[in-house]
Amino acid sequence: MSCVDYDTLVQFEADANKGRADALYNLGLAYSTGQGVGVDFVTAHKWFNLAAMKGSEVAKNWRAQLAAEMSSGQIAEALRLAREWLSLH
């Protein structure tokens, strides 16, 4: 992924709200690598989890890599945020 600007993030979020797995995955990448946003593993895990639920195998791999570096509390928070997002979309 190249450097992500604000407009690209807005487009990813709009596409994610439509349920596009690629946009969910791209948001996970942005938050896990700090592209256009601060690094936030909890938020990245949330997006990767949602993309994985849509069938993205690469998102499953990234989610597992992040989970290995996160506390159980952080993972629980990421899962809660994913459920919350699902309930709204």
N, C-alpha and C. Protein backbone atom coordinates (compact mmCIF):
# COMPACT_ATOMS: atom_id res chain seq x y z
N MET A 1 0.85 -1.16 0.00
CA MET A 1 0.00 0.00 0.00
C MET A 1 0.89 1.23 0.00
N SER A 2 0.56 2.16 -0.87
CA SER A 2 1.30 3.42 -0.87
C SER A 2 0.80 4.30 0.27
N CYS A 3 1.39 5.46 0.40
CA CYS A 3 0.99 6.38 1.45
C CYS A 3 -0.48 6.75 1.28
N VAL A 4 -1.22 6.68 2.36
CA VAL A 4 -2.66 6.92 2.32
C VAL A 4 -2.93 8.32 2.83
N ASP A 5 -3.70 9.09 2.04
CA ASP A 5 -4.07 10.44 2.48
C ASP A 5 -5.49 10.43 3.04
N TYR A 6 -5.91 11.57 3.54
CA TYR A 6 -7.21 11.70 4.19
C TYR A 6 -8.35 11.31 3.25
N ASP A 7 -8.31 11.79 2.01
CA ASP A 7 -9.38 11.49 1.06
C ASP A 7 -9.49 10.00 0.78
N THR A 8 -8.36 9.33 0.72
CA THR A 8 -8.36 7.88 0.50
C THR A 8 -8.98 7.16 1.68
N LEU A 9 -8.64 7.60 2.89
CA LEU A 9 -9.24 7.00 4.09
C LEU A 9 -10.76 7.20 4.11
N VAL A 10 -11.20 8.37 3.73
CA VAL A 10 -12.64 8.65 3.68
C VAL A 10 -13.30 7.70 2.68
N GLN A 11 -12.66 7.49 1.54
CA GLN A 11 -13.23 6.58 0.54
C GLN A 11 -13.23 5.15 1.05
N PHE A 12 -12.15 4.72 1.73
CA PHE A 12 -12.12 3.38 2.32
C PHE A 12 -13.28 3.20 3.29
N GLU A 13 -13.51 4.22 4.13
CA GLU A 13 -14.60 4.12 5.11
C GLU A 13 -15.96 4.06 4.43
N ALA A 14 -16.15 4.85 3.38
CA ALA A 14 -17.42 4.81 2.65
C ALA A 14 -17.63 3.44 2.02
N ASP A 15 -16.58 2.89 1.43
CA ASP A 15 -16.68 1.56 0.82
C ASP A 15 -16.85 0.48 1.88
N ALA A 16 -16.20 0.65 3.03
CA ALA A 16 -16.35 -0.32 4.13
C ALA A 16 -17.80 -0.32 4.61
N ASN A 17 -18.42 0.85 4.67
CA ASN A 17 -19.81 0.94 5.10
C ASN A 17 -20.75 0.22 4.14
N LYS A 18 -20.29 -0.01 2.93
CA LYS A 18 -21.06 -0.78 1.94
C LYS A 18 -20.75 -2.27 2.03
N GLY A 19 -19.85 -2.63 2.96
CA GLY A 19 -19.51 -4.03 3.15
C GLY A 19 -18.43 -4.58 2.25
N ARG A 20 -17.66 -3.71 1.62
CA ARG A 20 -16.59 -4.17 0.72
C ARG A 20 -15.40 -4.69 1.51
N ALA A 21 -15.10 -5.95 1.32
CA ALA A 21 -14.00 -6.60 2.05
C ALA A 21 -12.67 -5.90 1.79
N ASP A 22 -12.42 -5.47 0.55
CA ASP A 22 -11.15 -4.82 0.25
C ASP A 22 -10.98 -3.52 1.03
N ALA A 23 -12.07 -2.78 1.20
CA ALA A 23 -12.00 -1.52 1.95
C ALA A 23 -11.77 -1.80 3.44
N LEU A 24 -12.45 -2.81 3.97
CA LEU A 24 -12.25 -3.20 5.37
C LEU A 24 -10.79 -3.58 5.59
N TYR A 25 -10.25 -4.38 4.67
CA TYR A 25 -8.85 -4.80 4.73
C TYR A 25 -7.91 -3.60 4.66
N ASN A 26 -8.18 -2.68 3.72
CA ASN A 26 -7.31 -1.51 3.57
C ASN A 26 -7.32 -0.64 4.82
N LEU A 27 -8.46 -0.53 5.48
CA LEU A 27 -8.49 0.20 6.74
C LEU A 27 -7.65 -0.50 7.80
N GLY A 28 -7.70 -1.82 7.83
CA GLY A 28 -6.84 -2.58 8.74
C GLY A 28 -5.38 -2.32 8.48
N LEU A 29 -5.01 -2.31 7.21
CA LEU A 29 -3.62 -2.01 6.86
C LEU A 29 -3.22 -0.61 7.29
N ALA A 30 -4.10 0.35 7.04
CA ALA A 30 -3.78 1.73 7.41
C ALA A 30 -3.51 1.84 8.91
N TYR A 31 -4.39 1.26 9.72
CA TYR A 31 -4.22 1.37 11.18
C TYR A 31 -3.08 0.51 11.72
N SER A 32 -2.78 -0.58 11.05
CA SER A 32 -1.69 -1.43 11.54
C SER A 32 -0.31 -0.89 11.17
N THR A 33 -0.25 -0.06 10.14
CA THR A 33 1.04 0.46 9.68
C THR A 33 1.19 1.96 9.87
N GLY A 34 0.11 2.63 10.28
CA GLY A 34 0.18 4.08 10.48
C GLY A 34 0.15 4.88 9.20
N GLN A 35 -0.50 4.35 8.18
CA GLN A 35 -0.62 5.06 6.90
C GLN A 35 -1.81 6.00 6.94
N GLY A 36 -1.56 7.29 7.14
CA GLY A 36 -2.61 8.29 7.16
C GLY A 36 -3.29 8.45 8.51
N VAL A 37 -2.99 7.56 9.43
CA VAL A 37 -3.55 7.57 10.79
C VAL A 37 -2.45 7.10 11.74
N GLY A 38 -2.69 7.26 13.03
CA GLY A 38 -1.75 6.72 14.00
C GLY A 38 -1.88 5.20 14.06
N VAL A 39 -0.81 4.53 14.39
CA VAL A 39 -0.85 3.08 14.56
C VAL A 39 -1.79 2.75 15.72
N ASP A 40 -2.73 1.88 15.47
CA ASP A 40 -3.71 1.48 16.47
C ASP A 40 -4.07 0.03 16.21
N PHE A 41 -3.44 -0.89 16.95
CA PHE A 41 -3.65 -2.32 16.72
C PHE A 41 -5.07 -2.76 17.03
N VAL A 42 -5.70 -2.14 18.01
CA VAL A 42 -7.09 -2.52 18.34
C VAL A 42 -8.00 -2.21 17.16
N THR A 43 -7.88 -1.01 16.62
CA THR A 43 -8.71 -0.62 15.48
C THR A 43 -8.34 -1.44 14.24
N ALA A 44 -7.06 -1.68 14.04
CA ALA A 44 -6.62 -2.50 12.91
C ALA A 44 -7.21 -3.91 13.01
N HIS A 45 -7.16 -4.50 14.19
CA HIS A 45 -7.71 -5.84 14.40
C HIS A 45 -9.20 -5.84 14.07
N LYS A 46 -9.91 -4.80 14.51
CA LYS A 46 -11.34 -4.68 14.21
C LYS A 46 -11.57 -4.75 12.70
N TRP A 47 -10.84 -3.93 11.94
CA TRP A 47 -11.04 -3.89 10.49
C TRP A 47 -10.64 -5.20 9.83
N PHE A 48 -9.53 -5.78 10.26
CA PHE A 48 -9.12 -7.08 9.70
C PHE A 48 -10.14 -8.15 10.03
N ASN A 49 -10.69 -8.12 11.23
CA ASN A 49 -11.70 -9.10 11.62
C ASN A 49 -12.93 -8.97 10.72
N LEU A 50 -13.38 -7.76 10.48
CA LEU A 50 -14.54 -7.55 9.61
C LEU A 50 -14.25 -7.99 8.19
N ALA A 51 -13.06 -7.71 7.69
CA ALA A 51 -12.68 -8.16 6.34
C ALA A 51 -12.62 -9.68 6.28
N ALA A 52 -12.08 -10.29 7.33
CA ALA A 52 -12.01 -11.75 7.38
C ALA A 52 -13.41 -12.36 7.37
N MET A 53 -14.34 -11.72 8.04
CA MET A 53 -15.72 -12.21 8.05
C MET A 53 -16.34 -12.14 6.65
N LYS A 54 -15.81 -11.25 5.81
CA LYS A 54 -16.28 -11.12 4.43
C LYS A 54 -15.51 -12.05 3.49
N GLY A 55 -14.59 -12.87 4.06
CA GLY A 55 -13.89 -13.86 3.25
C GLY A 55 -12.46 -13.53 2.87
N SER A 56 -11.91 -12.44 3.36
CA SER A 56 -10.53 -12.07 3.01
C SER A 56 -9.53 -12.94 3.77
N GLU A 57 -8.85 -13.80 3.04
CA GLU A 57 -7.85 -14.68 3.65
C GLU A 57 -6.64 -13.89 4.15
N VAL A 58 -6.23 -12.88 3.38
CA VAL A 58 -5.07 -12.09 3.79
C VAL A 58 -5.39 -11.32 5.08
N ALA A 59 -6.64 -10.89 5.24
CA ALA A 59 -7.04 -10.21 6.48
C ALA A 59 -6.96 -11.17 7.66
N LYS A 60 -7.29 -12.43 7.45
CA LYS A 60 -7.19 -13.43 8.52
C LYS A 60 -5.74 -13.55 8.99
N ASN A 61 -4.81 -13.53 8.04
CA ASN A 61 -3.39 -13.63 8.39
C ASN A 61 -2.91 -12.41 9.17
N TRP A 62 -3.29 -11.22 8.70
CA TRP A 62 -2.90 -10.00 9.40
C TRP A 62 -3.51 -9.96 10.80
N ARG A 63 -4.78 -10.36 10.90
CA ARG A 63 -5.45 -10.38 12.21
C ARG A 63 -4.70 -11.28 13.17
N ALA A 64 -4.28 -12.44 12.71
CA ALA A 64 -3.55 -13.39 13.56
C ALA A 64 -2.20 -12.81 13.98
N GLN A 65 -1.51 -12.14 13.07
CA GLN A 65 -0.22 -11.54 13.39
C GLN A 65 -0.39 -10.45 14.46
N LEU A 66 -1.42 -9.62 14.29
CA LEU A 66 -1.66 -8.58 15.29
C LEU A 66 -2.01 -9.18 16.63
N ALA A 67 -2.90 -10.18 16.62
CA ALA A 67 -3.36 -10.80 17.87
C ALA A 67 -2.18 -11.34 18.68
N ALA A 68 -1.16 -11.82 17.99
CA ALA A 68 0.02 -12.35 18.67
C ALA A 68 0.77 -11.27 19.45
N GLU A 69 0.57 -10.01 19.07
CA GLU A 69 1.25 -8.89 19.72
C GLU A 69 0.35 -8.10 20.67
N MET A 70 -0.90 -8.53 20.79
CA MET A 70 -1.88 -7.80 21.60
C MET A 70 -2.20 -8.54 22.89
N SER A 71 -2.64 -7.80 23.88
CA SER A 71 -3.09 -8.43 25.13
C SER A 71 -4.51 -8.97 24.91
N SER A 72 -4.94 -9.84 25.81
CA SER A 72 -6.30 -10.38 25.70
C SER A 72 -7.33 -9.26 25.85
N GLY A 73 -7.03 -8.26 26.66
CA GLY A 73 -7.92 -7.12 26.81
C GLY A 73 -8.06 -6.31 25.52
N GLN A 74 -6.94 -6.14 24.82
CA GLN A 74 -6.97 -5.42 23.56
C GLN A 74 -7.77 -6.20 22.51
N ILE A 75 -7.58 -7.49 22.47
CA ILE A 75 -8.34 -8.32 21.52
C ILE A 75 -9.82 -8.27 21.83
N ALA A 76 -10.16 -8.35 23.11
CA ALA A 76 -11.57 -8.27 23.51
C ALA A 76 -12.17 -6.94 23.09
N GLU A 77 -11.43 -5.85 23.24
CA GLU A 77 -11.91 -4.54 22.82
C GLU A 77 -12.10 -4.48 21.31
N ALA A 78 -11.16 -5.04 20.56
CA ALA A 78 -11.27 -5.07 19.10
C ALA A 78 -12.50 -5.85 18.67
N LEU A 79 -12.75 -6.97 19.32
CA LEU A 79 -13.93 -7.77 18.99
C LEU A 79 -15.22 -7.03 19.34
N ARG A 80 -15.21 -6.32 20.45
CA ARG A 80 -16.38 -5.53 20.84
C ARG A 80 -16.65 -4.45 19.81
N LEU A 81 -15.58 -3.78 19.37
CA LEU A 81 -15.73 -2.72 18.37
C LEU A 81 -16.25 -3.28 17.04
N ALA A 82 -15.80 -4.47 16.67
CA ALA A 82 -16.29 -5.10 15.43
C ALA A 82 -17.77 -5.41 15.55
N ARG A 83 -18.19 -5.95 16.69
CA ARG A 83 -19.62 -6.25 16.89
C ARG A 83 -20.44 -4.97 16.85
N GLU A 84 -19.92 -3.93 17.47
CA GLU A 84 -20.61 -2.64 17.47
C GLU A 84 -20.77 -2.12 16.05
N TRP A 85 -19.68 -2.20 15.27
CA TRP A 85 -19.71 -1.74 13.87
C TRP A 85 -20.75 -2.54 13.09
N LEU A 86 -20.76 -3.84 13.28
CA LEU A 86 -21.73 -4.70 12.58
C LEU A 86 -23.16 -4.33 12.92
N SER A 87 -23.40 -3.99 14.16
CA SER A 87 -24.76 -3.64 14.57
C SER A 87 -25.23 -2.34 13.92
N LEU A 88 -24.29 -1.49 13.53
CA LEU A 88 -24.63 -0.21 12.90
C LEU A 88 -24.67 -0.29 11.38
N HIS A 89 -24.05 -1.31 10.82
CA HIS A 89 -23.95 -1.41 9.36
C HIS A 89 -24.55 -2.71 8.93
